[in-house]
C-alpha atoms as a PDB file:
ATOM      1  CA  MET A   1     -62.885 -95.713  -3.016  1.00  0.00           C
ATOM      2  CA  SER A   2     -61.870 -95.950  -6.631  1.00  0.00           C
ATOM      3  CA  GLU A   3     -60.403 -99.083  -8.158  1.00  0.00           C
ATOM      4  CA  GLU A   4     -57.105 -97.260  -8.689  1.00  0.00           C
ATOM      5  CA  GLN A   5     -56.865 -96.401  -4.984  1.00  0.00           C
ATOM      6  CA  VAL A   6     -57.642 -99.997  -4.017  1.00  0.00           C
ATOM      7  CA  VAL A   7     -54.900-101.285  -6.342  1.00  0.00           C
ATOM      8  CA  LYS A   8     -52.440 -98.753  -4.925  1.00  0.00           C
ATOM      9  CA  LEU A   9     -53.341 -99.726  -1.356  1.00  0.00           C
ATOM     10  CA  LEU A  10     -52.960-103.428  -2.146  1.00  0.00           C
ATOM     11  CA  GLU A  11     -49.562-102.754  -3.754  1.00  0.00           C
ATOM     12  CA  GLU A  12     -48.457-100.899  -0.626  1.00  0.00           C
ATOM     13  CA  ILE A  13     -49.611-103.809   1.545  1.00  0.00           C
ATOM     14  CA  ARG A  14     -47.740-106.243  -0.710  1.00  0.00           C
ATOM     15  CA  ASP A  15     -44.581-104.128  -0.566  1.00  0.00           C
ATOM     16  CA  LEU A  16     -44.806-103.871   3.232  1.00  0.00           C
ATOM     17  CA  HIS A  17     -45.295-107.635   3.470  1.00  0.00           C
ATOM     18  CA  LYS A  18     -42.236-108.257   1.267  1.00  0.00           C
ATOM     19  CA  GLU A  19     -40.217-105.883   3.427  1.00  0.00           C
ATOM     20  CA  GLY A  20     -41.371-107.697   6.559  1.00  0.00           C
ATOM     21  CA  VAL A  21     -40.367-111.054   5.085  1.00  0.00           C
ATOM     22  CA  GLU A  22     -36.919-109.704   4.197  1.00  0.00           C
ATOM     23  CA  ASN A  23     -36.506-108.311   7.708  1.00  0.00           C
ATOM     24  CA  GLN A  24     -37.461-111.697   9.153  1.00  0.00           C
ATOM     25  CA  LYS A  25     -34.866-113.419   6.946  1.00  0.00           C
ATOM     26  CA  ILE A  26     -32.211-110.995   8.169  1.00  0.00           C
ATOM     27  CA  ALA A  27     -33.271-111.525  11.789  1.00  0.00           C
ATOM     28  CA  ILE A  28     -33.099-115.308  11.406  1.00  0.00           C
ATOM     29  CA  ALA A  29     -29.631-115.075   9.836  1.00  0.00           C
ATOM     30  CA  ASN A  30     -28.491-112.863  12.729  1.00  0.00           C
ATOM     31  CA  GLN A  31     -29.891-115.329  15.251  1.00  0.00           C
ATOM     32  CA  GLN A  32     -28.071-118.198  13.559  1.00  0.00           C
ATOM     33  CA  GLN A  33     -24.817-116.224  13.690  1.00  0.00           C
ATOM     34  CA  SER A  34     -25.446-115.498  17.360  1.00  0.00           C
ATOM     35  CA  ILE A  35     -26.022-119.188  18.093  1.00  0.00           C
ATOM     36  CA  GLU A  36     -22.768-120.118  16.325  1.00  0.00           C
ATOM     37  CA  ARG A  37     -20.877-117.479  18.304  1.00  0.00           C
ATOM     38  CA  GLN A  38     -22.370-118.783  21.542  1.00  0.00           C
ATOM     39  CA  LYS A  39     -21.324-122.333  20.653  1.00  0.00           C
ATOM     40  CA  GLN A  40     -17.793-121.098  19.947  1.00  0.00           C
ATOM     41  CA  SER A  41     -17.790-119.209  23.238  1.00  0.00           C
ATOM     42  CA  ILE A  42     -18.815-122.358  25.107  1.00  0.00           C
ATOM     43  CA  GLU A  43     -15.986-124.294  23.445  1.00  0.00           C
ATOM     44  CA  ASN A  44     -13.518-121.572  24.419  1.00  0.00           C
ATOM     45  CA  GLN A  45     -14.766-121.677  28.009  1.00  0.00           C
ATOM     46  CA  LYS A  46     -14.391-125.474  28.113  1.00  0.00           C
ATOM     47  CA  LYS A  47     -10.803-125.138  26.865  1.00  0.00           C
ATOM     48  CA  ALA A  48     -10.076-122.443  29.457  1.00  0.00           C
ATOM     49  CA  ILE A  49     -11.479-124.631  32.233  1.00  0.00           C
ATOM     50  CA  SER A  50      -9.354-127.526  31.050  1.00  0.00           C
ATOM     51  CA  ARG A  51      -6.223-125.343  31.092  1.00  0.00           C
ATOM     52  CA  ALA A  52      -7.147-124.054  34.550  1.00  0.00           C
ATOM     53  CA  LYS A  53      -7.481-127.630  35.847  1.00  0.00           C
ATOM     54  CA  VAL A  54      -4.043-128.526  34.498  1.00  0.00           C
ATOM     55  CA  THR A  55      -2.558-125.388  36.030  1.00  0.00           C
ATOM     56  CA  LEU A  56      -4.202-126.147  39.372  1.00  0.00           C
ATOM     57  CA  GLY A  57      -2.811-129.683  39.266  1.00  0.00           C
ATOM     58  CA  ILE A  58       0.676-128.345  38.630  1.00  0.00           C
ATOM     59  CA  VAL A  59       0.354-125.848  41.493  1.00  0.00           C
ATOM     60  CA  ILE A  60      -0.820-128.569  43.871  1.00  0.00           C
ATOM     61  CA  ALA A  61       2.032-130.865  42.798  1.00  0.00           C
ATOM     62  CA  LEU A  62       4.569-128.094  43.343  1.00  0.00           C
ATOM     63  CA  PHE A  63       3.072-127.296  46.733  1.00  0.00           C
ATOM     64  CA  LEU A  64       3.334-130.936  47.756  1.00  0.00           C
ATOM     65  CA  LEU A  65       6.915-131.113  46.553  1.00  0.00           C
ATOM     66  CA  MET A  66       7.885-127.904  48.325  1.00  0.00           C
ATOM     67  CA  PHE A  67       6.139-128.570  51.632  1.00  0.00           C
ATOM     68  CA  GLY A  68       4.890-132.141  51.695  1.00  0.00           C
ATOM     69  CA  ALA A  69       8.158-133.886  50.856  1.00  0.00           C
ATOM     70  CA  PRO A  70      10.262-131.981  53.435  1.00  0.00           C
ATOM     71  CA  MET A  71       7.596-132.529  56.086  1.00  0.00           C
ATOM     72  CA  PHE A  72       7.499-136.246  55.265  1.00  0.00           C
ATOM     73  CA  LEU A  73      11.285-136.492  55.443  1.00  0.00           C
ATOM     74  CA  TRP A  74      11.339-134.538  58.706  1.00  0.00           C
ATOM     75  CA  GLY A  75       8.720-136.852  60.183  1.00  0.00           C
ATOM     76  CA  LEU A  76      10.606-139.883  58.926  1.00  0.00           C
ATOM     77  CA  SER A  77      13.837-138.646  60.513  1.00  0.00           C
ATOM     78  CA  TRP A  78      12.107-138.119  63.855  1.00  0.00           C
ATOM     79  CA  THR A  79      10.542-141.561  63.612  1.00  0.00           C
ATOM     80  CA  LEU A  80      13.916-143.146  62.913  1.00  0.00           C
ATOM     81  CA  ARG A  81      15.476-141.225  65.804  1.00  0.00           C
ATOM     82  CA  TRP A  82      12.714-142.391  68.089  1.00  0.00           C
ATOM     83  CA  LEU A  83      13.071-145.996  66.944  1.00  0.00           C
ATOM     84  CA  THR A  84      16.879-146.007  67.256  1.00  0.00           C
ATOM     85  CA  ALA A  85      16.948-144.131  70.559  1.00  0.00           C
ATOM     86  CA  GLY A  86      15.340-147.038  72.370  1.00  0.00           C
ATOM     87  CA  HIS A  87      18.124-149.441  71.443  1.00  0.00           C
END
């Protein structure tokens, strides 16, 4: 192999190595962007869960007001009737 061919081959290897390094830099930047997006997604999910908990609390409170309070008052009225009926 002539010296010129060796130099050309080494230049090609160098160029391929530089290209590989650049591709690795791009891949690392993409991975960092992906990690940031995942962190943002987790934050969004935490906020959604928090809103869902508040909504569930409101639904439970409304349910208790709609059904629990009338049932309590009904039971109280029957208790008072029972207590006053004996006298």
